[in-house]
């Protein structure tokens, strides 16, 4: 009987230790991490369309490299152009 009590006690302790070591892992896709309320230009639209929709940028950098990449900075976002078209827009934190 004493051996049974020791076995039950030991198994209970190891079960508790195993449960304490387990943790949930939450994976959130990058696109779903922070839904921003800031509207950004769609990929492929021209510089003139961006200027019409969002106004003049606060600063312009480039073009740099080959293909030439130009960066327009706005108050809440940065827009990247390859030649004359949007390739990416990033919302500032």
Protein backbone atom coordinates (compact mmCIF):
# COMPACT_ATOMS: atom_id res chain seq x y z
CA UNK A 1 0.00 0.00 0.00
CA UNK A 2 2.87 2.33 0.83
CA UNK A 3 4.45 1.64 -2.58
CA UNK A 4 1.16 2.45 -4.31
CA UNK A 5 0.95 5.78 -2.47
CA UNK A 6 4.54 6.64 -3.47
CA UNK A 7 3.84 5.77 -7.13
CA UNK A 8 0.65 7.83 -7.18
CA UNK A 9 2.36 10.75 -5.49
CA UNK A 10 5.31 10.62 -7.89
CA UNK A 11 3.08 10.37 -10.96
CA UNK A 12 0.97 13.27 -9.72
CA UNK A 13 4.04 15.44 -9.23
CA UNK A 14 5.43 14.64 -12.66
CA UNK A 15 2.04 15.34 -14.25
CA UNK A 16 1.91 18.71 -12.54
CA UNK A 17 5.45 19.55 -13.60
CA UNK A 18 4.68 18.62 -17.22
CA UNK A 19 1.59 20.82 -17.21
CA UNK A 20 3.56 23.72 -15.77
CA UNK A 21 6.15 23.45 -18.55
CA UNK A 22 3.61 23.51 -21.37
CA UNK A 23 2.64 26.80 -22.95
CA UNK A 24 0.32 27.79 -25.74
CA UNK A 25 1.92 29.12 -28.90
CA UNK A 26 -0.13 31.67 -30.76
CA UNK A 27 0.77 32.26 -34.39
CA UNK A 28 -0.70 35.35 -36.00
CA UNK A 29 -0.08 35.93 -39.72
CA UNK A 30 1.85 39.14 -40.42
CA UNK A 31 -1.03 40.62 -42.39
CA UNK A 32 -3.42 40.17 -39.48
CA UNK A 33 -1.18 41.53 -36.73
CA UNK A 34 -2.19 45.15 -36.90
CA UNK A 35 -5.08 46.20 -39.03
CA UNK A 36 -4.32 49.83 -39.69
CA UNK A 37 -6.91 52.51 -40.25
CA UNK A 38 -4.42 54.38 -42.46
CA UNK A 39 -5.32 54.13 -46.12
CA UNK A 40 -2.33 53.35 -48.36
CA UNK A 41 -1.96 53.38 -52.15
CA UNK A 42 -2.40 50.11 -53.98
CA UNK A 43 0.54 48.41 -55.66
CA UNK A 44 0.96 49.44 -59.29
CA UNK A 45 -0.65 52.88 -59.26
CA UNK A 46 1.30 55.81 -60.65
CA UNK A 47 3.00 58.67 -58.83
CA UNK A 48 0.46 61.11 -60.24
CA UNK A 49 -2.44 59.02 -58.85
CA UNK A 50 -0.74 58.87 -55.43
CA UNK A 51 -0.25 62.64 -55.52
CA UNK A 52 -3.94 63.13 -56.46
CA UNK A 53 -5.17 60.81 -53.70
CA UNK A 54 -2.74 61.63 -50.86
CA UNK A 55 -1.33 65.06 -51.72
CA UNK A 56 2.28 66.15 -51.73
CA UNK A 57 4.68 64.03 -49.65
CA UNK A 58 6.52 65.68 -46.77
CA UNK A 59 9.82 64.44 -48.25
CA UNK A 60 11.11 62.62 -51.32
CA UNK A 61 14.26 60.47 -51.54
CA UNK A 62 15.83 58.98 -54.64
CA UNK A 63 15.75 57.59 -57.16
CA UNK A 64 18.44 55.18 -55.95
CA UNK A 65 19.82 52.00 -57.52
CA UNK A 66 18.80 49.91 -60.49
CA UNK A 67 15.87 49.62 -60.91
CA UNK A 68 15.48 53.14 -59.55
CA UNK A 69 13.60 53.22 -56.22
CA UNK A 70 12.05 56.47 -55.03
CA UNK A 71 10.68 56.95 -51.51
CA UNK A 72 7.89 59.37 -50.62
CA UNK A 73 7.32 60.02 -46.92
CA UNK A 74 3.98 61.16 -45.61
CA UNK A 75 2.98 61.86 -42.02
CA UNK A 76 1.54 58.36 -41.44
CA UNK A 77 3.17 56.25 -44.17
CA UNK A 78 6.07 55.78 -46.56
CA UNK A 79 5.47 54.84 -50.19
CA UNK A 80 8.09 53.11 -52.36
CA UNK A 81 8.09 53.46 -56.14
CA UNK A 82 9.94 51.51 -58.80
CA UNK A 83 10.24 53.81 -61.79
CA UNK A 84 6.80 55.50 -61.74
CA UNK A 85 4.67 52.90 -59.93
CA UNK A 86 4.00 51.93 -56.31
CA UNK A 87 5.71 48.73 -55.22
CA UNK A 88 5.03 48.99 -51.47
CA UNK A 89 3.58 51.25 -48.78
CA UNK A 90 4.40 51.02 -45.07
CA UNK A 91 2.30 52.54 -42.27
CA UNK A 92 4.32 54.26 -39.53
CA UNK A 93 3.77 53.18 -35.91
